[in-house]
C-alpha atoms as a PDB file:
ATOM      1  CA  MET A   1      89.366  67.544  99.585  1.00  0.00           C
ATOM      2  CA  ARG A   2      91.183  65.613  96.853  1.00  0.00           C
ATOM      3  CA  SER A   3      87.941  64.137  95.459  1.00  0.00           C
ATOM      4  CA  CYS A   4      86.409  67.630  95.406  1.00  0.00           C
ATOM      5  CA  PHE A   5      89.396  68.926  93.438  1.00  0.00           C
ATOM      6  CA  THR A   6      89.185  65.989  91.010  1.00  0.00           C
ATOM      7  CA  ALA A   7      85.458  66.551  90.480  1.00  0.00           C
ATOM      8  CA  MET A   8      86.032  70.278  89.860  1.00  0.00           C
ATOM      9  CA  ALA A   9      88.810  69.494  87.385  1.00  0.00           C
ATOM     10  CA  LEU A  10      86.594  67.031  85.506  1.00  0.00           C
ATOM     11  CA  LEU A  11      83.742  69.534  85.336  1.00  0.00           C
ATOM     12  CA  LEU A  12      86.114  72.213  84.064  1.00  0.00           C
ATOM     13  CA  CYS A  13      87.414  69.870  81.357  1.00  0.00           C
ATOM     14  CA  LEU A  14      83.880  68.876  80.367  1.00  0.00           C
ATOM     15  CA  PHE A  15      82.701  72.497  80.260  1.00  0.00           C
ATOM     16  CA  THR A  16      85.763  73.604  78.265  1.00  0.00           C
ATOM     17  CA  GLY A  17      85.364  70.707  75.829  1.00  0.00           C
ATOM     18  CA  LEU A  18      81.670  71.404  75.297  1.00  0.00           C
ATOM     19  CA  SER A  19      82.354  75.124  74.926  1.00  0.00           C
ATOM     20  CA  VAL A  20      85.016  74.483  72.284  1.00  0.00           C
ATOM     21  CA  HIS A  21      82.695  72.013  70.541  1.00  0.00           C
ATOM     22  CA  ALA A  22      79.812  74.502  70.536  1.00  0.00           C
ATOM     23  CA  ASN A  23      82.039  77.272  69.150  1.00  0.00           C
ATOM     24  CA  GLN A  24      83.348  74.995  66.405  1.00  0.00           C
ATOM     25  CA  ALA A  25      79.832  74.182  65.267  1.00  0.00           C
ATOM     26  CA  THR A  26      79.368  77.771  64.054  1.00  0.00           C
ATOM     27  CA  THR A  27      82.570  77.960  61.951  1.00  0.00           C
ATOM     28  CA  SER A  28      83.603  76.424  58.655  1.00  0.00           C
ATOM     29  CA  PRO A  29      84.616  72.769  58.980  1.00  0.00           C
ATOM     30  CA  LEU A  30      87.940  73.409  57.161  1.00  0.00           C
ATOM     31  CA  LYS A  31      90.171  76.206  58.358  1.00  0.00           C
ATOM     32  CA  PRO A  32      92.382  77.987  55.812  1.00  0.00           C
ATOM     33  CA  PHE A  33      95.831  76.460  55.335  1.00  0.00           C
ATOM     34  CA  THR A  34      98.555  77.888  57.553  1.00  0.00           C
ATOM     35  CA  THR A  35     102.209  77.068  58.003  1.00  0.00           C
ATOM     36  CA  ASP A  36     104.823  78.018  60.546  1.00  0.00           C
ATOM     37  CA  GLY A  37     107.590  76.040  58.882  1.00  0.00           C
ATOM     38  CA  CYS A  38     109.081  73.462  61.211  1.00  0.00           C
ATOM     39  CA  SER A  39     106.737  73.832  64.179  1.00  0.00           C
ATOM     40  CA  LEU A  40     108.690  74.314  67.412  1.00  0.00           C
ATOM     41  CA  TRP A  41     111.966  73.467  65.655  1.00  0.00           C
ATOM     42  CA  LEU A  42     114.643  75.004  63.432  1.00  0.00           C
ATOM     43  CA  ASP A  43     113.993  75.573  59.727  1.00  0.00           C
ATOM     44  CA  GLY A  44     117.675  75.197  58.876  1.00  0.00           C
ATOM     45  CA  THR A  45     121.236  75.749  60.052  1.00  0.00           C
ATOM     46  CA  PRO A  46     122.749  78.997  61.373  1.00  0.00           C
ATOM     47  CA  GLU A  47     124.450  79.450  57.989  1.00  0.00           C
ATOM     48  CA  ASN A  48     121.294  78.651  56.022  1.00  0.00           C
ATOM     49  CA  PRO A  49     118.334  79.288  58.371  1.00  0.00           C
ATOM     50  CA  ASN A  50     115.680  78.087  55.880  1.00  0.00           C
ATOM     51  CA  LEU A  51     117.574  75.080  54.491  1.00  0.00           C
ATOM     52  CA  TRP A  52     114.844  72.480  55.075  1.00  0.00           C
ATOM     53  CA  ARG A  53     111.853  74.785  55.708  1.00  0.00           C
ATOM     54  CA  HIS A  54     110.316  73.768  52.360  1.00  0.00           C
ATOM     55  CA  CYS A  55     110.178  70.183  53.658  1.00  0.00           C
ATOM     56  CA  CYS A  56     108.174  71.327  56.680  1.00  0.00           C
ATOM     57  CA  VAL A  57     105.819  73.484  54.611  1.00  0.00           C
ATOM     58  CA  ALA A  58     105.003  70.508  52.362  1.00  0.00           C
ATOM     59  CA  HIS A  59     104.542  68.417  55.521  1.00  0.00           C
ATOM     60  CA  ASP A  60     102.197  71.075  56.935  1.00  0.00           C
ATOM     61  CA  LEU A  61     100.028  70.823  53.816  1.00  0.00           C
ATOM     62  CA  ALA A  62      99.630  67.077  54.322  1.00  0.00           C
ATOM     63  CA  TYR A  63      98.942  67.545  58.045  1.00  0.00           C
ATOM     64  CA  TRP A  64      96.392  70.292  57.353  1.00  0.00           C
ATOM     65  CA  LYS A  65      94.373  67.922  55.126  1.00  0.00           C
ATOM     66  CA  GLY A  66      94.679  64.939  57.472  1.00  0.00           C
ATOM     67  CA  GLY A  67      93.400  61.505  56.552  1.00  0.00           C
ATOM     68  CA  SER A  68      94.254  57.927  57.370  1.00  0.00           C
ATOM     69  CA  LYS A  69      97.040  56.562  59.548  1.00  0.00           C
ATOM     70  CA  ALA A  70      98.794  55.322  56.392  1.00  0.00           C
ATOM     71  CA  GLU A  71      98.613  58.802  54.832  1.00  0.00           C
ATOM     72  CA  ARG A  72     100.219  60.302  57.926  1.00  0.00           C
ATOM     73  CA  LYS A  73     102.997  57.702  57.822  1.00  0.00           C
ATOM     74  CA  LYS A  74     103.599  58.581  54.150  1.00  0.00           C
ATOM     75  CA  ALA A  75     103.768  62.326  54.977  1.00  0.00           C
ATOM     76  CA  ASP A  76     106.231  61.638  57.795  1.00  0.00           C
ATOM     77  CA  ASP A  77     108.357  59.419  55.543  1.00  0.00           C
ATOM     78  CA  GLU A  78     108.392  62.222  52.960  1.00  0.00           C
ATOM     79  CA  ILE A  79     109.618  64.862  55.420  1.00  0.00           C
ATOM     80  CA  LYS A  80     112.321  62.455  56.561  1.00  0.00           C
ATOM     81  CA  ALA A  81     113.497  61.925  52.974  1.00  0.00           C
ATOM     82  CA  CYS A  82     113.357  65.661  52.202  1.00  0.00           C
ATOM     83  CA  VAL A  83     115.346  66.684  55.296  1.00  0.00           C
ATOM     84  CA  LYS A  84     117.843  63.895  54.614  1.00  0.00           C
ATOM     85  CA  THR A  85     118.452  65.356  51.145  1.00  0.00           C
ATOM     86  CA  ALA A  86     118.739  68.898  52.513  1.00  0.00           C
ATOM     87  CA  GLN A  87     120.820  68.246  55.641  1.00  0.00           C
ATOM     88  CA  GLY A  88     121.633  64.585  56.134  1.00  0.00           C
ATOM     89  CA  PRO A  89     120.420  61.487  57.933  1.00  0.00           C
ATOM     90  CA  GLY A  90     121.001  62.687  61.515  1.00  0.00           C
ATOM     91  CA  MET A  91     118.626  65.655  61.351  1.00  0.00           C
ATOM     92  CA  ALA A  92     116.182  63.629  59.249  1.00  0.00           C
ATOM     93  CA  LYS A  93     115.938  60.865  61.866  1.00  0.00           C
ATOM     94  CA  TYR A  94     115.618  63.381  64.696  1.00  0.00           C
ATOM     95  CA  MET A  95     112.801  65.291  63.005  1.00  0.00           C
ATOM     96  CA  TYR A  96     111.053  62.085  61.946  1.00  0.00           C
ATOM     97  CA  SER A  97     110.942  60.737  65.487  1.00  0.00           C
ATOM     98  CA  ASN A  98     109.558  64.040  66.756  1.00  0.00           C
ATOM     99  CA  VAL A  99     106.810  64.369  64.136  1.00  0.00           C
ATOM    100  CA  ARG A 100     105.779  60.756  64.729  1.00  0.00           C
ATOM    101  CA  TRP A 101     105.360  61.458  68.439  1.00  0.00           C
ATOM    102  CA  GLY A 102     104.212  65.083  68.431  1.00  0.00           C
ATOM    103  CA  GLY A 103     101.937  65.087  65.388  1.00  0.00           C
ATOM    104  CA  SER A 104      99.323  62.680  66.697  1.00  0.00           C
ATOM    105  CA  PRO A 105      95.765  63.647  65.735  1.00  0.00           C
ATOM    106  CA  TYR A 106      94.798  63.167  69.372  1.00  0.00           C
ATOM    107  CA  TRP A 107      96.931  66.035  70.709  1.00  0.00           C
ATOM    108  CA  MET A 108      95.053  69.329  70.938  1.00  0.00           C
ATOM    109  CA  ASN A 109      97.734  71.434  69.264  1.00  0.00           C
ATOM    110  CA  HIS A 110      98.001  73.601  66.159  1.00  0.00           C
ATOM    111  CA  TYR A 111     100.299  71.183  64.321  1.00  0.00           C
ATOM    112  CA  ARG A 112      98.489  67.872  64.849  1.00  0.00           C
ATOM    113  CA  TRP A 113      97.510  65.553  62.006  1.00  0.00           C
ATOM    114  CA  GLY A 114      94.348  66.995  60.441  1.00  0.00           C
ATOM    115  CA  TYR A 115      94.797  70.462  61.982  1.00  0.00           C
ATOM    116  CA  GLY A 116      92.701  72.019  59.226  1.00  0.00           C
ATOM    117  CA  TRP A 117      89.614  70.287  60.624  1.00  0.00           C
ATOM    118  CA  ARG A 118      87.864  70.796  63.919  1.00  0.00           C
ATOM    119  CA  TYR A 119      89.395  68.732  66.674  1.00  0.00           C
ATOM    120  CA  TRP A 120      86.013  67.312  67.689  1.00  0.00           C
ATOM    121  CA  ASP A 121      84.033  65.123  65.317  1.00  0.00           C
ATOM    122  CA  GLY A 122      80.820  64.794  67.233  1.00  0.00           C
ATOM    123  CA  MET A 123      81.706  63.712  70.747  1.00  0.00           C
ATOM    124  CA  THR A 124      85.090  62.189  69.865  1.00  0.00           C
ATOM    125  CA  PRO A 125      88.307  63.576  68.388  1.00  0.00           C
ATOM    126  CA  ARG A 126      88.493  63.478  64.580  1.00  0.00           C
ATOM    127  CA  GLY A 127      91.647  61.345  64.775  1.00  0.00           C
ATOM    128  CA  TYR A 128      92.591  59.418  61.649  1.00  0.00           C
ATOM    129  CA  LYS A 129      89.673  60.072  59.341  1.00  0.00           C
ATOM    130  CA  LYS A 130      89.819  59.995  55.591  1.00  0.00           C
ATOM    131  CA  PRO A 131      88.086  63.130  54.254  1.00  0.00           C
ATOM    132  CA  SER A 132      84.635  62.412  52.864  1.00  0.00           C
ATOM    133  CA  ALA A 133      83.697  63.376  49.292  1.00  0.00           C
ATOM    134  CA  GLU A 134      82.260  66.662  50.596  1.00  0.00           C
ATOM    135  CA  GLU A 135      85.418  67.324  52.607  1.00  0.00           C
ATOM    136  CA  GLN A 136      87.593  66.494  49.579  1.00  0.00           C
ATOM    137  CA  LEU A 137      85.676  69.171  47.685  1.00  0.00           C
ATOM    138  CA  LEU A 138      86.411  71.687  50.468  1.00  0.00           C
ATOM    139  CA  ILE A 139      90.106  70.772  50.271  1.00  0.00           C
ATOM    140  CA  GLN A 140      90.122  71.222  46.476  1.00  0.00           C
ATOM    141  CA  GLN A 141      88.413  74.600  46.818  1.00  0.00           C
ATOM    142  CA  ALA A 142      90.959  75.704  49.447  1.00  0.00           C
ATOM    143  CA  MET A 143      94.024  74.537  47.489  1.00  0.00           C
ATOM    144  CA  PRO A 144      94.534  77.716  45.379  1.00  0.00           C
ATOM    145  CA  ALA A 145      94.687  79.801  48.572  1.00  0.00           C
ATOM    146  CA  ALA A 146      96.939  77.185  50.194  1.00  0.00           C
ATOM    147  CA  GLN A 147      99.269  77.326  47.192  1.00  0.00           C
ATOM    148  CA  ARG A 148      99.450  81.132  47.537  1.00  0.00           C
ATOM    149  CA  VAL A 149     100.399  80.729  51.219  1.00  0.00           C
ATOM    150  CA  ILE A 150     103.151  78.280  50.227  1.00  0.00           C
ATOM    151  CA  GLU A 151     104.472  80.602  47.498  1.00  0.00           C
ATOM    152  CA  GLU A 152     104.448  83.597  49.856  1.00  0.00           C
ATOM    153  CA  ASP A 153     106.238  81.568  52.526  1.00  0.00           C
ATOM    154  CA  ALA A 154     108.935  80.599  49.998  1.00  0.00           C
ATOM    155  CA  ARG A 155     109.410  84.276  49.051  1.00  0.00           C
ATOM    156  CA  LYS A 156     109.657  85.380  52.681  1.00  0.00           C
ATOM    157  CA  ASN A 157     111.876  82.473  53.783  1.00  0.00           C
ATOM    158  CA  PRO A 158     114.249  81.624  50.926  1.00  0.00           C
ATOM    159  CA  ALA A 159     116.926  79.017  51.404  1.00  0.00           C
ATOM    160  CA  LYS A 160     120.390  79.815  50.129  1.00  0.00           C
ATOM    161  CA  PRO A 161     121.443  77.585  47.257  1.00  0.00           C
ATOM    162  CA  VAL A 162     123.470  74.669  48.578  1.00  0.00           C
ATOM    163  CA  GLU A 163     126.989  74.869  47.182  1.00  0.00           C
ATOM    164  CA  PRO A 164     128.707  71.627  46.232  1.00  0.00           C
ATOM    165  CA  ASP A 165     131.265  70.293  48.664  1.00  0.00           C
ATOM    166  CA  PRO A 166     134.706  70.860  47.045  1.00  0.00           C
ATOM    167  CA  ALA A 167     136.057  67.760  48.852  1.00  0.00           C
ATOM    168  CA  GLN A 168     133.787  65.512  46.791  1.00  0.00           C
END
């Protein structure tokens, strides 16, 4: 019974994977840029709910484009530095550790490294892949629309100006 269940599960996974792959073959290789701010996390404090959202939106842009393992590390270092400036080292370290774990290009989620590209690259996940010259051109062509998304997000989700601490 167990082996029958395992075989059925494997067939279902194979069928689902091939179905997703076949559907992706008919769509553009680069999806339009999207952002949800700090995916599955807070964009700021209760007093300033969008305090570090801009850090996450910039991070989303890097993740949308994807690229090499070193480029991902750089993007994650940049969000850590940005959140540290906005909120402090505790939140920065917490977010950094979560994006390092949760943003792997091998997870099938909407916020993975390289989420602008199809998950499958042939029969394997895209993973850490530097965009080709043709893909770089697609990114460049999509950047004006991406910039409009970022500007609209900033209008809809403004952070309050941070007031200086009178104790300092």
